[in-house]
Amino acid sequence: MKKLRYRNELKHYINSIDCILLKNKLTHIMQRDQNSRPDGKYLIRSLYFDTPDDKALIEKITGVDNREKFRLRFYNHDTNFVRLEKKSKINGFTNKISSPISKNQCELIQKGEIEWLYTSGNKLFMELYSKIVHQRLMPTTVVDYEREAYIYKPGNVRVTIDSSIRTGLRSTNFFDKNLPTIEALDNNLSVLEVKYDNFLPEVIGDIVQIGERHKLSVSKYALCRIYC
């Protein structure tokens, strides 16, 4: 597992007009994510884990600073590239570690067959096993959204715009392309995320105008859990 690297992460709501203006500016300064489709977007599907008493959800809503969440994730319905991720927040900074995981291994977890996690030799898998056993962590809900991502090398900046955020409610049918979902956020709104290392270059700060945006205090997972 790689050495932990903590980053700054800012989240804000933007409306549809702001979204159009922002995209026009970003395309002249930043590079698009190379994994984007021709329309500049890609689909993200995540399966979030939580405890029976909603530990991850409550810690997010109440603003607990040192917290973590586990999720499975793939892109554009490509189940050949699935990852297990652990996202942590400590003292206001965020960190994400991840590991490839197969579709079959994901299905074993969903069935409750988890002993292989412990014997895998993979530290992230072993940590998930420990949390499942001792905290009763379990798959909780599917979250879908469309993402547009922009990259700026100075400061290691990544700006993303997430739209069409949808929830599968309490469904954990992670690999079902036809999974029924409902909108978790007004269609007129998107979520702007700005991630960077030690500094945010002034040219990017001027474009995203962080100080004038409405700060988002809840995650996409929390938004989607409003309904269940």
Protein backbone atom coordinates (compact mmCIF):
# COMPACT_ATOMS: atom_id res chain seq x y z
CA MET A 1 0.00 0.00 0.00
CA LYS A 2 1.36 3.43 -0.96
CA LYS A 3 2.38 6.06 1.56
CA LEU A 4 -0.65 8.11 2.59
CA ARG A 5 -0.97 11.50 0.90
CA TYR A 6 -3.46 14.01 2.25
CA ARG A 7 -5.07 16.64 0.05
CA ASN A 8 -7.31 19.66 0.33
CA GLU A 9 -10.84 19.09 -0.90
CA LEU A 10 -13.53 21.73 -1.37
CA LYS A 11 -17.13 20.99 -2.38
CA HIS A 12 -19.77 23.45 -3.56
CA TYR A 13 -23.17 23.50 -5.23
CA ILE A 14 -23.39 25.22 -8.61
CA ASN A 15 -26.48 25.86 -10.73
CA SER A 16 -26.84 25.06 -14.43
CA ILE A 17 -25.83 28.56 -15.62
CA ASP A 18 -22.72 28.59 -13.44
CA CYS A 19 -21.94 25.10 -14.70
CA ILE A 20 -21.91 26.18 -18.35
CA LEU A 21 -19.78 29.25 -17.63
CA LEU A 22 -17.35 27.27 -15.52
CA LYS A 23 -16.87 24.55 -18.14
CA ASN A 24 -16.11 27.14 -20.82
CA LYS A 25 -13.35 28.62 -18.66
CA LEU A 26 -11.90 25.34 -17.47
CA THR A 27 -11.48 23.93 -20.98
CA HIS A 28 -9.08 26.79 -21.84
CA ILE A 29 -6.85 26.27 -18.80
CA MET A 30 -7.07 22.64 -17.73
CA GLN A 31 -6.84 19.26 -19.44
CA ARG A 32 -9.79 16.90 -19.54
CA ASP A 33 -9.51 13.55 -17.80
CA GLN A 34 -8.20 11.08 -20.41
CA ASN A 35 -10.80 8.51 -19.39
CA SER A 36 -13.71 10.73 -20.44
CA ARG A 37 -16.13 9.73 -23.17
CA PRO A 38 -16.34 11.90 -26.32
CA ASP A 39 -18.92 14.09 -24.55
CA GLY A 40 -16.36 14.81 -21.84
CA LYS A 41 -18.19 12.86 -19.14
CA TYR A 42 -18.02 9.43 -17.56
CA LEU A 43 -20.38 7.48 -15.36
CA ILE A 44 -19.37 6.60 -11.82
CA ARG A 45 -21.18 3.89 -9.88
CA SER A 46 -20.31 3.30 -6.23
CA LEU A 47 -21.55 0.84 -3.64
CA TYR A 48 -21.09 2.35 -0.20
CA PHE A 49 -20.62 0.43 3.03
CA ASP A 50 -22.01 1.43 6.39
CA THR A 51 -22.86 -0.12 9.75
CA PRO A 52 -26.38 -1.09 10.88
CA ASP A 53 -26.48 2.12 12.97
CA ASP A 54 -25.24 4.26 10.04
CA LYS A 55 -21.88 5.21 11.55
CA ALA A 56 -20.40 6.66 8.34
CA LEU A 57 -23.57 8.62 7.55
CA ILE A 58 -23.95 10.10 11.04
CA GLU A 59 -20.27 11.04 11.30
CA LYS A 60 -20.53 12.91 7.99
CA ILE A 61 -23.75 14.73 8.87
CA THR A 62 -22.55 15.71 12.35
CA GLY A 63 -19.17 16.85 11.06
CA VAL A 64 -16.87 14.40 12.83
CA ASP A 65 -13.45 15.44 11.54
CA ASN A 66 -11.61 12.12 11.72
CA ARG A 67 -13.73 9.69 9.75
CA GLU A 68 -13.61 7.13 6.96
CA LYS A 69 -15.83 5.32 4.50
CA PHE A 70 -15.43 2.27 2.27
CA ARG A 71 -16.89 1.83 -1.20
CA LEU A 72 -16.66 -0.28 -4.34
CA ARG A 73 -16.48 1.67 -7.58
CA PHE A 74 -16.36 1.26 -11.35
CA TYR A 75 -16.71 3.54 -14.37
CA ASN A 76 -18.89 3.51 -17.49
CA HIS A 77 -20.29 0.09 -16.53
CA ASP A 78 -16.87 -1.48 -17.11
CA THR A 79 -16.84 -4.30 -14.57
CA ASN A 80 -13.35 -5.33 -15.65
CA PHE A 81 -11.97 -2.39 -13.69
CA VAL A 82 -13.51 -2.34 -10.22
CA ARG A 83 -11.79 -0.86 -7.18
CA LEU A 84 -12.21 -1.08 -3.44
CA GLU A 85 -11.62 2.37 -1.95
CA LYS A 86 -11.22 3.76 1.54
CA LYS A 87 -11.61 7.53 1.84
CA SER A 88 -10.48 9.19 5.06
CA LYS A 89 -10.70 12.72 6.43
CA ILE A 90 -8.27 13.79 9.14
CA ASN A 91 -7.88 17.33 10.47
CA GLY A 92 -9.63 18.78 7.44
CA PHE A 93 -7.53 16.93 4.84
CA THR A 94 -8.63 13.97 2.74
CA ASN A 95 -6.89 10.80 1.63
CA LYS A 96 -7.98 7.94 -0.60
CA ILE A 97 -6.39 4.52 -0.93
CA SER A 98 -7.64 1.91 -3.35
CA SER A 99 -7.01 -1.56 -4.66
CA PRO A 100 -8.24 -3.48 -7.73
CA ILE A 101 -10.89 -6.06 -6.96
CA SER A 102 -12.64 -8.48 -9.31
CA LYS A 103 -16.36 -8.67 -9.99
CA ASN A 104 -16.40 -12.17 -8.52
CA GLN A 105 -14.71 -10.96 -5.33
CA CYS A 106 -17.27 -8.16 -4.99
CA GLU A 107 -20.08 -10.67 -5.31
CA LEU A 108 -18.51 -12.83 -2.61
CA ILE A 109 -18.50 -9.83 -0.25
CA GLN A 110 -22.15 -9.17 -1.03
CA LYS A 111 -22.96 -12.79 -0.18
CA GLY A 112 -21.16 -12.46 3.14
CA GLU A 113 -18.31 -14.76 2.07
CA ILE A 114 -15.41 -12.72 3.41
CA GLU A 115 -12.75 -15.09 4.82
CA TRP A 116 -10.69 -14.68 1.65
CA LEU A 117 -10.30 -10.97 2.50
CA TYR A 118 -8.39 -11.90 5.64
CA THR A 119 -6.11 -14.38 3.89
CA SER A 120 -5.55 -12.25 0.76
CA GLY A 121 -2.39 -10.52 2.04
CA ASN A 122 -3.86 -7.23 0.77
CA LYS A 123 -3.81 -4.67 3.60
CA LEU A 124 -6.92 -2.84 2.38
CA PHE A 125 -8.84 -6.09 1.98
CA MET A 126 -7.76 -7.17 5.46
CA GLU A 127 -8.88 -3.86 6.95
CA LEU A 128 -12.29 -4.22 5.30
CA TYR A 129 -12.53 -7.73 6.75
CA SER A 130 -11.79 -6.37 10.23
CA LYS A 131 -14.44 -3.66 9.89
CA ILE A 132 -17.02 -6.15 8.63
CA VAL A 133 -16.36 -8.48 11.56
CA HIS A 134 -15.97 -5.94 14.37
CA GLN A 135 -18.21 -3.07 13.20
CA ARG A 136 -20.68 -5.09 11.11
CA LEU A 137 -19.86 -2.95 8.09
CA MET A 138 -21.95 -4.01 5.11
CA PRO A 139 -22.96 -2.87 1.59
CA THR A 140 -25.67 -0.24 2.00
CA THR A 141 -26.62 1.63 -1.15
CA VAL A 142 -25.65 2.29 -4.78
CA VAL A 143 -24.87 5.85 -5.90
CA ASP A 144 -24.68 6.86 -9.60
CA TYR A 145 -23.61 10.13 -11.17
CA GLU A 146 -22.06 11.68 -14.28
CA ARG A 147 -18.66 13.35 -13.83
CA GLU A 148 -16.65 15.85 -15.86
CA ALA A 149 -13.05 16.07 -14.68
CA TYR A 150 -10.31 18.61 -15.37
CA ILE A 151 -6.63 18.39 -14.43
CA TYR A 152 -4.01 21.10 -13.81
CA LYS A 153 -0.51 19.85 -13.01
CA PRO A 154 0.79 22.78 -10.88
CA GLY A 155 -0.53 22.07 -7.39
CA ASN A 156 -1.81 18.70 -8.62
CA VAL A 157 -5.28 20.22 -9.04
CA ARG A 158 -8.32 18.22 -10.03
CA VAL A 159 -11.65 19.95 -10.63
CA THR A 160 -14.74 17.80 -11.09
CA ILE A 161 -18.39 18.59 -11.82
CA ASP A 162 -20.83 15.88 -10.79
CA SER A 163 -24.39 15.88 -12.09
CA SER A 164 -27.39 13.55 -12.39
CA ILE A 165 -26.71 12.22 -8.90
CA ARG A 166 -28.99 9.25 -8.34
CA THR A 167 -29.59 6.79 -5.56
CA GLY A 168 -30.47 3.12 -5.69
CA LEU A 169 -32.10 3.58 -2.27
CA ARG A 170 -31.28 0.51 -0.17
CA SER A 171 -30.41 -1.61 -3.20
CA THR A 172 -26.99 -3.23 -3.35
CA ASN A 173 -27.36 -4.67 -6.87
CA PHE A 174 -24.05 -3.10 -7.83
CA PHE A 175 -23.67 -4.77 -11.24
CA ASP A 176 -27.27 -4.41 -12.43
CA LYS A 177 -27.23 -1.98 -15.39
CA ASN A 178 -31.01 -1.65 -15.13
CA LEU A 179 -31.03 -0.89 -11.42
CA PRO A 180 -33.93 1.49 -10.66
CA THR A 181 -32.61 4.80 -9.29
CA ILE A 182 -34.11 8.16 -8.37
CA GLU A 183 -32.69 11.69 -8.45
CA ALA A 184 -31.04 12.69 -5.18
CA LEU A 185 -30.37 16.32 -6.16
CA ASP A 186 -32.31 18.94 -8.08
CA ASN A 187 -31.57 18.65 -11.83
CA ASN A 188 -30.62 22.33 -11.85
CA LEU A 189 -27.76 21.70 -9.43
CA SER A 190 -24.37 20.01 -9.74
CA VAL A 191 -21.58 19.42 -7.26
CA LEU A 192 -18.28 21.17 -7.90
CA GLU A 193 -15.25 19.58 -6.23
CA VAL A 194 -11.77 21.10 -6.16
CA LYS A 195 -8.90 18.91 -4.95
CA TYR A 196 -5.29 20.02 -4.63
CA ASP A 197 -2.10 19.35 -2.66
CA ASN A 198 -0.35 22.20 -0.87
CA PHE A 199 -1.66 25.18 -2.82
CA LEU A 200 -4.42 26.18 -5.20
CA PRO A 201 -2.98 28.14 -8.15
CA GLU A 202 -4.46 31.62 -8.38
CA VAL A 203 -5.60 31.10 -11.97
CA ILE A 204 -7.74 28.13 -10.90
CA GLY A 205 -9.00 29.88 -7.75
CA ASP A 206 -10.14 32.83 -9.88
CA ILE A 207 -12.03 30.54 -12.25
CA VAL A 208 -13.90 28.48 -9.67
CA GLN A 209 -14.48 31.52 -7.39
CA ILE A 210 -14.58 29.34 -4.30
CA GLY A 211 -15.45 32.20 -1.96
CA GLU A 212 -18.69 32.93 -3.81
CA ARG A 213 -20.03 29.40 -3.92
CA HIS A 214 -22.37 27.77 -1.43
CA LYS A 215 -20.25 25.26 0.46
CA LEU A 216 -21.52 21.69 0.40
CA SER A 217 -21.43 20.12 3.85
CA VAL A 218 -22.82 16.71 2.95
CA SER A 219 -21.37 14.07 0.64
CA LYS A 220 -23.06 12.46 -2.34
CA TYR A 221 -23.48 9.37 -0.17
CA ALA A 222 -25.29 11.43 2.47
CA LEU A 223 -27.47 13.08 -0.18
CA CYS A 224 -28.50 9.67 -1.47
CA ARG A 225 -29.23 8.34 2.02
CA ILE A 226 -31.86 11.01 2.62
CA TYR A 227 -34.35 8.65 0.98
CA CYS A 228 -33.56 5.54 3.00
